[in-house]
Amino acid sequence: MKLPKELREKSDLSGTASKGKICSVKECGESAIRSLSENKWSKVCEKANLMLNENRLRKIFLCKKHYKEANKMRKSDEKLIQKKGFLEDSTSTKRGKWD
């Protein structure tokens, strides 16, 4: 019988660690805590200088240390892309009774 989520151990709740996956970064043998989509995260990992092993599952498995590095790079990229203000690209037309 499966126990409810509240009663299970924390180690039982981590999905990829319990399945025995290892980190996809070359020369890293730690157990993975995250499985990420290769389409979305491969560019982020390249910018973070993480050399990845080839994987047929189209997933990237990262340990805690490498996920932290990749996530920092992703967040810094998002900050650069964000709009600095909503008025910069607005080309609204005037509306009023004097138009």
C-alpha atoms as a PDB file:
ATOM      1  CA  MET A   1       0.000   0.000   0.000  1.00  0.00           C
ATOM      2  CA  LYS A   2       1.288   3.442  -0.931  1.00  0.00           C
ATOM      3  CA  LEU A   3       1.549   5.977   1.895  1.00  0.00           C
ATOM      4  CA  PRO A   4       0.212   9.506   1.493  1.00  0.00           C
ATOM      5  CA  LYS A   5       2.690  12.223   0.556  1.00  0.00           C
ATOM      6  CA  GLU A   6       2.651  13.741   4.059  1.00  0.00           C
ATOM      7  CA  LEU A   7       3.751  10.482   5.707  1.00  0.00           C
ATOM      8  CA  ARG A   8       6.517   9.459   3.301  1.00  0.00           C
ATOM      9  CA  GLU A   9      10.187  10.158   3.893  1.00  0.00           C
ATOM     10  CA  LYS A  10      11.786  13.065   2.034  1.00  0.00           C
ATOM     11  CA  SER A  11      14.164  10.710   0.235  1.00  0.00           C
ATOM     12  CA  ASP A  12      11.188   8.763  -1.116  1.00  0.00           C
ATOM     13  CA  LEU A  13       9.654  11.916  -2.625  1.00  0.00           C
ATOM     14  CA  SER A  14      12.581  12.831  -4.876  1.00  0.00           C
ATOM     15  CA  GLY A  15      11.655  11.300  -8.218  1.00  0.00           C
ATOM     16  CA  THR A  16      14.942  11.068 -10.131  1.00  0.00           C
ATOM     17  CA  ALA A  17      17.192  10.263  -7.175  1.00  0.00           C
ATOM     18  CA  SER A  18      15.122   7.219  -6.302  1.00  0.00           C
ATOM     19  CA  LYS A  19      15.338   5.955  -9.891  1.00  0.00           C
ATOM     20  CA  GLY A  20      19.141   5.885  -9.758  1.00  0.00           C
ATOM     21  CA  LYS A  21      19.865   8.476 -12.453  1.00  0.00           C
ATOM     22  CA  ILE A  22      23.290  10.085 -12.459  1.00  0.00           C
ATOM     23  CA  CYS A  23      24.268  13.596 -13.472  1.00  0.00           C
ATOM     24  CA  SER A  24      24.584  14.180 -17.237  1.00  0.00           C
ATOM     25  CA  VAL A  25      27.657  16.405 -16.872  1.00  0.00           C
ATOM     26  CA  LYS A  26      30.879  14.721 -18.006  1.00  0.00           C
ATOM     27  CA  GLU A  27      33.103  13.486 -15.167  1.00  0.00           C
ATOM     28  CA  CYS A  28      30.362  13.889 -12.550  1.00  0.00           C
ATOM     29  CA  GLY A  29      29.036  10.753 -10.908  1.00  0.00           C
ATOM     30  CA  GLU A  30      26.630  12.203  -8.357  1.00  0.00           C
ATOM     31  CA  SER A  31      22.974  11.266  -8.265  1.00  0.00           C
ATOM     32  CA  ALA A  32      20.613  13.575 -10.143  1.00  0.00           C
ATOM     33  CA  ILE A  33      17.969  15.638  -8.370  1.00  0.00           C
ATOM     34  CA  ARG A  34      16.422  17.184 -11.517  1.00  0.00           C
ATOM     35  CA  SER A  35      15.463  15.918 -14.951  1.00  0.00           C
ATOM     36  CA  LEU A  36      15.095  18.729 -17.446  1.00  0.00           C
ATOM     37  CA  SER A  37      14.008  19.010 -21.064  1.00  0.00           C
ATOM     38  CA  GLU A  38      16.977  18.961 -23.437  1.00  0.00           C
ATOM     39  CA  ASN A  39      15.245  21.378 -25.826  1.00  0.00           C
ATOM     40  CA  LYS A  40      14.853  24.107 -23.213  1.00  0.00           C
ATOM     41  CA  TRP A  41      17.965  23.622 -21.088  1.00  0.00           C
ATOM     42  CA  SER A  42      20.764  22.611 -23.492  1.00  0.00           C
ATOM     43  CA  LYS A  43      21.602  26.213 -24.423  1.00  0.00           C
ATOM     44  CA  VAL A  44      21.555  27.263 -20.774  1.00  0.00           C
ATOM     45  CA  CYS A  45      23.956  24.457 -19.863  1.00  0.00           C
ATOM     46  CA  GLU A  46      26.307  25.445 -22.698  1.00  0.00           C
ATOM     47  CA  LYS A  47      26.409  29.050 -21.443  1.00  0.00           C
ATOM     48  CA  ALA A  48      27.169  27.763 -17.931  1.00  0.00           C
ATOM     49  CA  ASN A  49      30.151  25.793 -19.385  1.00  0.00           C
ATOM     50  CA  LEU A  50      28.660  22.396 -18.514  1.00  0.00           C
ATOM     51  CA  MET A  51      29.803  19.652 -20.905  1.00  0.00           C
ATOM     52  CA  LEU A  52      26.907  17.184 -21.210  1.00  0.00           C
ATOM     53  CA  ASN A  53      26.936  13.506 -22.135  1.00  0.00           C
ATOM     54  CA  GLU A  54      24.755  12.379 -25.044  1.00  0.00           C
ATOM     55  CA  ASN A  55      21.382  11.018 -23.976  1.00  0.00           C
ATOM     56  CA  ARG A  56      18.766   9.202 -26.072  1.00  0.00           C
ATOM     57  CA  LEU A  57      15.933  10.140 -23.701  1.00  0.00           C
ATOM     58  CA  ARG A  58      16.150  13.864 -24.652  1.00  0.00           C
ATOM     59  CA  LYS A  59      16.476  14.669 -20.956  1.00  0.00           C
ATOM     60  CA  ILE A  60      19.231  16.345 -18.977  1.00  0.00           C
ATOM     61  CA  PHE A  61      19.800  14.987 -15.493  1.00  0.00           C
ATOM     62  CA  LEU A  62      21.610  17.353 -13.114  1.00  0.00           C
ATOM     63  CA  CYS A  63      22.929  16.989  -9.589  1.00  0.00           C
ATOM     64  CA  LYS A  64      22.357  19.712  -7.007  1.00  0.00           C
ATOM     65  CA  LYS A  65      25.628  21.544  -7.709  1.00  0.00           C
ATOM     66  CA  HIS A  66      25.257  21.641 -11.495  1.00  0.00           C
ATOM     67  CA  TYR A  67      21.546  22.509 -11.362  1.00  0.00           C
ATOM     68  CA  LYS A  68      22.406  25.496  -9.186  1.00  0.00           C
ATOM     69  CA  GLU A  69      24.981  26.708 -11.757  1.00  0.00           C
ATOM     70  CA  ALA A  70      22.591  26.262 -14.696  1.00  0.00           C
ATOM     71  CA  ASN A  71      19.719  27.933 -12.872  1.00  0.00           C
ATOM     72  CA  LYS A  72      21.881  30.972 -12.057  1.00  0.00           C
ATOM     73  CA  MET A  73      22.716  31.320 -15.751  1.00  0.00           C
ATOM     74  CA  ARG A  74      19.054  30.962 -16.749  1.00  0.00           C
ATOM     75  CA  LYS A  75      17.954  33.642 -14.297  1.00  0.00           C
ATOM     76  CA  SER A  76      20.661  36.070 -15.410  1.00  0.00           C
ATOM     77  CA  ASP A  77      19.608  35.555 -19.053  1.00  0.00           C
ATOM     78  CA  GLU A  78      15.968  36.216 -18.160  1.00  0.00           C
ATOM     79  CA  LYS A  79      16.895  39.491 -16.477  1.00  0.00           C
ATOM     80  CA  LEU A  80      18.602  40.697 -19.652  1.00  0.00           C
ATOM     81  CA  ILE A  81      15.598  39.835 -21.798  1.00  0.00           C
ATOM     82  CA  GLN A  82      12.952  41.433 -19.566  1.00  0.00           C
ATOM     83  CA  LYS A  83      11.419  44.683 -20.637  1.00  0.00           C
ATOM     84  CA  LYS A  84      12.665  47.670 -18.703  1.00  0.00           C
ATOM     85  CA  GLY A  85       9.412  49.573 -19.050  1.00  0.00           C
ATOM     86  CA  PHE A  86       6.072  49.296 -20.699  1.00  0.00           C
ATOM     87  CA  LEU A  87       6.301  52.653 -22.483  1.00  0.00           C
ATOM     88  CA  GLU A  88       9.427  51.921 -24.533  1.00  0.00           C
ATOM     89  CA  ASP A  89       7.642  50.075 -27.319  1.00  0.00           C
ATOM     90  CA  SER A  90       4.189  51.598 -27.077  1.00  0.00           C
ATOM     91  CA  THR A  91       2.892  53.293 -30.203  1.00  0.00           C
ATOM     92  CA  SER A  92      -0.570  54.156 -29.070  1.00  0.00           C
ATOM     93  CA  THR A  93      -2.735  56.679 -30.827  1.00  0.00           C
ATOM     94  CA  LYS A  94      -4.242  59.609 -29.031  1.00  0.00           C
ATOM     95  CA  ARG A  95      -7.834  59.254 -28.074  1.00  0.00           C
ATOM     96  CA  GLY A  96      -9.908  62.154 -26.994  1.00  0.00           C
ATOM     97  CA  LYS A  97     -12.313  64.739 -28.199  1.00  0.00           C
ATOM     98  CA  TRP A  98      -9.583  66.886 -29.848  1.00  0.00           C
ATOM     99  CA  ASP A  99      -8.334  64.230 -32.313  1.00  0.00           C
END
